[in-house]
Amino acid sequence: MSDIILGKNQYGKAENRVVRIYRDSPRHEIRDLNVSTCLRGDFSGAHLTGDQSQVLPTDSQKQTAYAYAKQPGITTIEEYGLALARHFVDDVEPVAAARIEIDEYAWERVVVDGTEHDHTWIRKGQETRTAAVTVDADGAWIVGGLKDLVILKSTGSEFAGFLTDEYTVLEPTHDRVMATSLIAQWRFTTTDADWDDIYTGVKAHLVEQFAVLQSKALQQTLFHMGKAVLESYPMIAEVRLSAPNKHHFAYDLSRFGLENNNEVFHADDRPYGLIQATVIRDDAPPPGPAWDLQQGWLA
């Protein structure tokens, strides 16, 4: 009989809700994060015999996330994630690698009598910014990103010429609504960048390509999105995109004696097509552990 052994393993504290208010002046600033930590190393004793001597409690990881929100503080989520990951790898002996995944929720200031208020905000309703930082003995990897960017255009999208079989009932169209809730992640080749400026620029390229491309397929749109990002930012090696197709079907108004010229739709949230693509440079450096998830299984 074959031996039974322990495979890859990891552990951490998921979804610490960390809010940092900067109160150094009458005009306060806010950073609102969801922080997940993950440690990797030789923790076989905990699995095989229950020996916890090499295990830094997940509660300690949580406390570290809050302490680091104060000092060194949060300038960008990428820098904050690097500081956390490097602390766990450099200062906690059993830890060989650390993975920090962060979502940032954006707020905008309330406007009172035409002036932005110093200490009141409303949650912004667009996308959530993300970052994933991995540090081990070989280096550091940073993946920027966004999720839940809901975007729609009312024309400029087609779907025709597709493969059919005996079960195909879908009619081809050269004028349809295209909508999605985009997830995008981009892998950097550096740990030193203007993170905020790049984030703003990448988002702008993604939105622009979605808008201006006469799309024959959502797949085509995703490729052009990634291509535009890579052409503009040489420090980005690859872009991964995931786009559920939020279908909008023209509603049948003929029974009411009304004509529907692509004006009234039923928004059908499920089931949905899920389109995913990676756009990468042909000379991109290996990703290392950049894509090994904290909340997911190890590759």
Protein backbone atom coordinates (compact mmCIF):
# COMPACT_ATOMS: atom_id res chain seq x y z
CA MET A 1 0.00 0.00 0.00
CA SER A 2 1.14 3.57 -0.67
CA ASP A 3 2.14 5.87 2.16
CA ILE A 4 -0.23 8.66 3.23
CA ILE A 5 1.56 11.99 3.59
CA LEU A 6 0.72 15.61 4.23
CA GLY A 7 0.52 17.76 1.11
CA LYS A 8 0.74 21.51 0.69
CA ASN A 9 -0.83 23.48 3.50
CA GLN A 10 -1.20 27.04 4.73
CA TYR A 11 -3.12 28.97 7.34
CA GLY A 12 -4.05 32.54 8.18
CA LYS A 13 -6.63 35.05 9.34
CA ALA A 14 -9.18 35.95 6.70
CA GLU A 15 -11.09 39.19 6.25
CA ASN A 16 -9.87 41.48 9.00
CA ARG A 17 -11.87 44.69 8.64
CA VAL A 18 -9.29 47.41 9.22
CA VAL A 19 -10.32 51.07 9.12
CA ARG A 20 -7.63 53.71 9.57
CA ILE A 21 -8.59 57.35 10.20
CA TYR A 22 -5.83 59.93 9.82
CA ARG A 23 -6.59 62.77 12.26
CA ASP A 24 -3.38 64.79 11.94
CA SER A 25 -5.26 67.89 10.78
CA PRO A 26 -8.86 69.15 10.87
CA ARG A 27 -9.36 67.46 7.46
CA HIS A 28 -9.39 63.75 8.21
CA GLU A 29 -8.52 60.95 5.79
CA ILE A 30 -9.93 57.41 5.75
CA ARG A 31 -8.61 54.05 4.50
CA ASP A 32 -11.09 51.17 4.70
CA LEU A 33 -9.64 47.70 4.12
CA ASN A 34 -10.50 44.02 4.24
CA VAL A 35 -7.18 42.26 5.00
CA SER A 36 -6.46 38.54 4.79
CA THR A 37 -3.15 37.07 5.93
CA CYS A 38 -1.72 33.67 5.08
CA LEU A 39 1.47 31.99 6.31
CA ARG A 40 3.36 29.14 4.63
CA GLY A 41 6.19 27.00 5.95
CA ASP A 42 6.84 23.71 7.73
CA PHE A 43 3.78 23.37 9.92
CA SER A 44 3.61 19.61 9.59
CA GLY A 45 3.76 19.10 13.36
CA ALA A 46 0.44 20.87 13.83
CA HIS A 47 -1.22 18.63 11.24
CA LEU A 48 0.38 15.32 12.17
CA THR A 49 0.63 15.45 15.97
CA GLY A 50 -1.12 18.66 17.00
CA ASP A 51 2.20 20.31 17.91
CA GLN A 52 1.57 24.08 17.87
CA SER A 53 5.13 25.17 18.72
CA GLN A 54 5.79 26.48 15.20
CA VAL A 55 2.36 28.03 14.73
CA LEU A 56 1.88 31.78 15.12
CA PRO A 57 -1.80 32.07 16.08
CA THR A 58 -4.15 33.54 13.53
CA ASP A 59 -5.19 35.96 16.26
CA SER A 60 -1.61 37.27 16.34
CA GLN A 61 -1.81 37.82 12.60
CA LYS A 62 -4.99 39.82 13.12
CA GLN A 63 -3.39 41.96 15.82
CA THR A 64 -0.40 42.63 13.54
CA ALA A 65 -2.66 43.85 10.76
CA TYR A 66 -4.23 46.41 13.09
CA ALA A 67 -0.91 47.46 14.62
CA TYR A 68 0.62 48.00 11.18
CA ALA A 69 -2.36 50.16 10.21
CA LYS A 70 -1.06 52.59 12.84
CA GLN A 71 2.67 52.13 12.24
CA PRO A 72 3.98 52.25 9.54
CA GLY A 73 0.44 53.14 8.45
CA ILE A 74 -1.37 52.83 5.14
CA THR A 75 -0.13 54.90 2.22
CA THR A 76 -1.22 52.41 -0.45
CA ILE A 77 -2.52 48.89 -0.01
CA GLU A 78 0.47 47.56 -1.93
CA GLU A 79 2.99 49.15 0.48
CA TYR A 80 0.95 48.11 3.52
CA GLY A 81 0.77 44.52 2.23
CA LEU A 82 4.53 44.46 1.59
CA ALA A 83 5.24 45.67 5.13
CA LEU A 84 3.02 42.98 6.64
CA ALA A 85 4.36 40.16 4.47
CA ARG A 86 7.99 41.09 5.06
CA HIS A 87 7.39 41.25 8.81
CA PHE A 88 6.00 37.73 8.92
CA VAL A 89 8.81 36.29 6.78
CA ASP A 90 11.69 38.25 8.34
CA ASP A 91 10.63 38.28 11.99
CA VAL A 92 8.73 35.02 12.54
CA GLU A 93 11.24 32.19 12.21
CA PRO A 94 9.03 29.27 11.08
CA VAL A 95 7.41 31.36 8.34
CA ALA A 96 8.92 30.73 4.90
CA ALA A 97 6.38 32.73 2.91
CA ALA A 98 3.52 35.11 3.55
CA ARG A 99 0.59 36.09 1.40
CA ILE A 100 -1.45 39.24 2.09
CA GLU A 101 -4.67 39.88 0.17
CA ILE A 102 -6.39 43.25 0.54
CA ASP A 103 -9.64 44.78 -0.67
CA GLU A 104 -9.98 48.55 -0.33
CA TYR A 105 -13.40 50.21 -0.12
CA ALA A 106 -13.46 53.75 -1.44
CA TRP A 107 -15.24 56.68 0.22
CA GLU A 108 -15.98 60.16 -1.12
CA ARG A 109 -16.49 63.27 0.94
CA VAL A 110 -19.93 64.66 1.68
CA VAL A 111 -20.40 68.11 0.12
CA VAL A 112 -22.08 70.70 2.35
CA ASP A 113 -22.92 74.13 0.89
CA GLY A 114 -20.63 73.41 -2.05
CA THR A 115 -17.64 72.49 0.11
CA GLU A 116 -16.22 69.04 0.89
CA HIS A 117 -16.76 68.15 4.53
CA ASP A 118 -13.63 67.50 6.60
CA HIS A 119 -14.76 64.33 8.36
CA THR A 120 -17.89 62.88 6.69
CA TRP A 121 -17.94 60.48 3.75
CA ILE A 122 -20.33 58.44 1.62
CA ARG A 123 -19.29 55.00 0.38
CA LYS A 124 -18.46 55.17 -3.31
CA GLY A 125 -20.50 52.74 -5.34
CA GLN A 126 -18.12 51.63 -8.09
CA GLU A 127 -15.41 48.97 -7.99
CA THR A 128 -13.37 47.59 -5.10
CA ARG A 129 -9.61 47.98 -5.43
CA THR A 130 -7.54 44.87 -4.61
CA ALA A 131 -3.95 43.89 -4.00
CA ALA A 132 -2.19 40.60 -3.29
CA VAL A 133 1.36 40.57 -1.93
CA THR A 134 3.50 37.45 -1.57
CA VAL A 135 6.94 37.42 0.08
CA ASP A 136 9.33 34.50 0.51
CA ALA A 137 13.09 33.93 0.59
CA ASP A 138 13.33 34.37 -3.18
CA GLY A 139 11.64 37.74 -3.42
CA ALA A 140 8.33 39.59 -3.44
CA TRP A 141 5.43 39.56 -5.90
CA ILE A 142 2.64 42.10 -6.17
CA VAL A 143 -0.66 41.73 -8.01
CA GLY A 144 -2.87 44.80 -8.30
CA GLY A 145 -6.47 44.63 -9.28
CA LEU A 146 -10.12 45.55 -9.05
CA LYS A 147 -13.39 43.69 -8.76
CA ASP A 148 -17.12 44.40 -9.05
CA LEU A 149 -16.64 47.03 -11.74
CA VAL A 150 -20.14 46.95 -13.25
CA ILE A 151 -20.07 48.37 -16.77
CA LEU A 152 -22.64 48.38 -19.58
CA LYS A 153 -22.92 49.69 -23.11
CA SER A 154 -26.19 49.81 -25.00
CA THR A 155 -24.75 49.08 -28.46
CA GLY A 156 -21.42 48.38 -30.13
CA SER A 157 -21.55 44.67 -29.35
CA GLU A 158 -22.30 41.70 -31.59
CA PHE A 159 -22.55 37.93 -31.27
CA ALA A 160 -22.91 36.04 -34.53
CA GLY A 161 -21.23 33.36 -36.60
CA PHE A 162 -21.02 31.01 -33.63
CA LEU A 163 -20.97 27.23 -33.72
CA THR A 164 -24.40 25.61 -33.63
CA ASP A 165 -25.71 22.13 -32.91
CA GLU A 166 -29.09 20.47 -32.55
CA TYR A 167 -29.66 22.24 -29.21
CA THR A 168 -28.81 25.76 -30.35
CA VAL A 169 -31.76 28.16 -30.15
CA LEU A 170 -29.85 31.42 -29.67
CA GLU A 171 -30.32 33.88 -32.53
CA PRO A 172 -27.29 35.81 -33.84
CA THR A 173 -27.25 39.54 -33.26
CA HIS A 174 -25.22 42.50 -34.51
CA ASP A 175 -26.61 44.96 -31.98
CA ARG A 176 -26.87 43.95 -28.36
CA VAL A 177 -26.42 45.30 -24.85
CA MET A 178 -23.10 44.17 -23.36
CA ALA A 179 -22.68 44.31 -19.60
CA THR A 180 -20.43 42.71 -17.02
CA SER A 181 -19.13 42.90 -13.47
CA LEU A 182 -15.42 42.90 -14.21
CA ILE A 183 -12.63 41.36 -12.16
CA ALA A 184 -9.15 42.36 -13.33
CA GLN A 185 -5.76 41.56 -11.82
CA TRP A 186 -2.33 42.60 -13.08
CA ARG A 187 1.05 41.18 -12.07
CA PHE A 188 3.90 43.61 -11.53
CA THR A 189 7.56 42.91 -12.23
CA THR A 190 8.64 45.42 -9.57
CA THR A 191 7.96 46.23 -5.92
CA ASP A 192 8.65 49.93 -6.48
CA ALA A 193 5.99 51.78 -8.45
CA ASP A 194 3.51 54.64 -8.25
CA TRP A 195 0.72 52.30 -7.21
CA ASP A 196 -2.08 54.89 -7.13
CA ASP A 197 -1.20 56.41 -10.51
CA ILE A 198 -0.94 53.00 -12.19
CA TYR A 199 -4.24 51.86 -10.70
CA THR A 200 -6.01 54.94 -12.04
CA GLY A 201 -4.44 54.48 -15.47
CA VAL A 202 -5.18 50.76 -15.72
CA LYS A 203 -8.82 51.28 -14.81
CA ALA A 204 -9.09 54.04 -17.43
CA HIS A 205 -7.68 51.74 -20.14
CA LEU A 206 -10.06 48.92 -19.21
CA VAL A 207 -13.09 51.19 -19.34
CA GLU A 208 -12.00 52.90 -22.57
CA GLN A 209 -11.50 49.64 -24.45
CA PHE A 210 -14.86 48.33 -23.28
CA ALA A 211 -16.49 51.51 -24.58
CA VAL A 212 -14.79 52.11 -27.94
CA LEU A 213 -14.24 48.62 -29.35
CA GLN A 214 -16.88 47.38 -31.78
CA SER A 215 -16.99 44.02 -30.04
CA LYS A 216 -17.78 40.81 -31.87
CA ALA A 217 -17.33 38.83 -28.66
CA LEU A 218 -16.71 39.57 -25.00
CA GLN A 219 -13.55 37.51 -25.42
CA GLN A 220 -12.30 40.05 -27.98
CA THR A 221 -13.04 42.90 -25.58
CA LEU A 222 -11.07 41.26 -22.76
CA PHE A 223 -8.04 40.74 -24.99
CA HIS A 224 -8.03 44.38 -26.09
CA MET A 225 -8.40 45.50 -22.48
CA GLY A 226 -5.33 43.52 -21.42
CA LYS A 227 -3.36 44.54 -24.50
CA ALA A 228 -3.94 48.24 -23.84
CA VAL A 229 -2.73 47.87 -20.25
CA LEU A 230 0.45 46.00 -21.23
CA GLU A 231 1.24 48.50 -23.99
CA SER A 232 1.06 51.37 -21.51
CA TYR A 233 2.78 49.87 -18.47
CA PRO A 234 6.06 47.99 -19.07
CA MET A 235 6.25 47.06 -15.37
CA ILE A 236 3.15 44.88 -15.74
CA ALA A 237 3.82 41.33 -17.00
CA GLU A 238 0.31 39.98 -17.40
CA VAL A 239 -3.34 40.82 -16.90
CA ARG A 240 -5.99 38.33 -15.85
CA LEU A 241 -9.62 39.17 -16.56
CA SER A 242 -12.86 37.54 -15.51
CA ALA A 243 -16.18 38.81 -16.88
CA PRO A 244 -19.61 37.32 -16.26
CA ASN A 245 -21.86 38.19 -19.17
CA LYS A 246 -24.79 40.05 -17.62
CA HIS A 247 -27.36 39.21 -20.26
CA HIS A 248 -30.01 41.70 -21.36
CA PHE A 249 -32.72 40.14 -23.50
CA ALA A 250 -35.13 42.21 -25.56
CA TYR A 251 -38.59 41.85 -23.99
CA ASP A 252 -41.48 40.68 -26.16
CA LEU A 253 -43.93 43.58 -26.34
CA SER A 254 -45.75 42.34 -29.46
CA ARG A 255 -48.59 40.89 -27.37
CA PHE A 256 -49.38 44.46 -26.32
CA GLY A 257 -49.28 45.72 -29.89
CA LEU A 258 -45.98 47.49 -29.22
CA GLU A 259 -42.75 47.37 -31.22
CA ASN A 260 -39.51 46.85 -29.31
CA ASN A 261 -36.52 48.18 -31.25
CA ASN A 262 -33.88 47.16 -28.74
CA GLU A 263 -35.35 49.57 -26.21
CA VAL A 264 -36.88 47.44 -23.43
CA PHE A 265 -34.92 44.54 -21.91
CA HIS A 266 -35.15 41.87 -19.29
CA ALA A 267 -31.96 41.88 -17.21
CA ASP A 268 -31.29 38.20 -16.52
CA ASP A 269 -28.73 37.74 -13.73
CA ARG A 270 -28.41 33.95 -13.98
CA PRO A 271 -27.38 31.68 -15.49
CA TYR A 272 -24.63 33.67 -17.16
CA GLY A 273 -21.72 33.10 -19.47
CA LEU A 274 -18.41 33.48 -17.65
CA ILE A 275 -15.59 34.66 -19.89
CA GLN A 276 -12.00 34.60 -18.58
CA ALA A 277 -8.69 35.40 -20.23
CA THR A 278 -5.02 36.03 -19.50
CA VAL A 279 -3.13 38.55 -21.61
CA ILE A 280 0.62 38.19 -21.12
CA ARG A 281 3.92 39.31 -22.59
CA ASP A 282 5.73 36.54 -24.45
CA ASP A 283 8.87 37.34 -22.43
CA ALA A 284 7.13 37.73 -19.06
CA PRO A 285 9.17 36.48 -16.09
CA PRO A 286 7.81 33.42 -14.29
CA PRO A 287 4.99 34.28 -11.86
CA GLY A 288 6.48 32.37 -8.94
CA PRO A 289 3.88 32.24 -6.15
CA ALA A 290 2.15 35.45 -7.27
CA TRP A 291 -1.13 33.67 -8.03
CA ASP A 292 -1.19 31.23 -5.07
CA LEU A 293 -4.36 32.29 -3.30
CA GLN A 294 -4.97 32.85 0.38
CA GLN A 295 -8.62 31.87 0.07
CA GLY A 296 -8.39 29.05 -2.42
CA TRP A 297 -6.27 26.01 -2.98
CA LEU A 298 -2.57 25.91 -3.60
CA ALA A 299 -1.54 25.17 -7.16
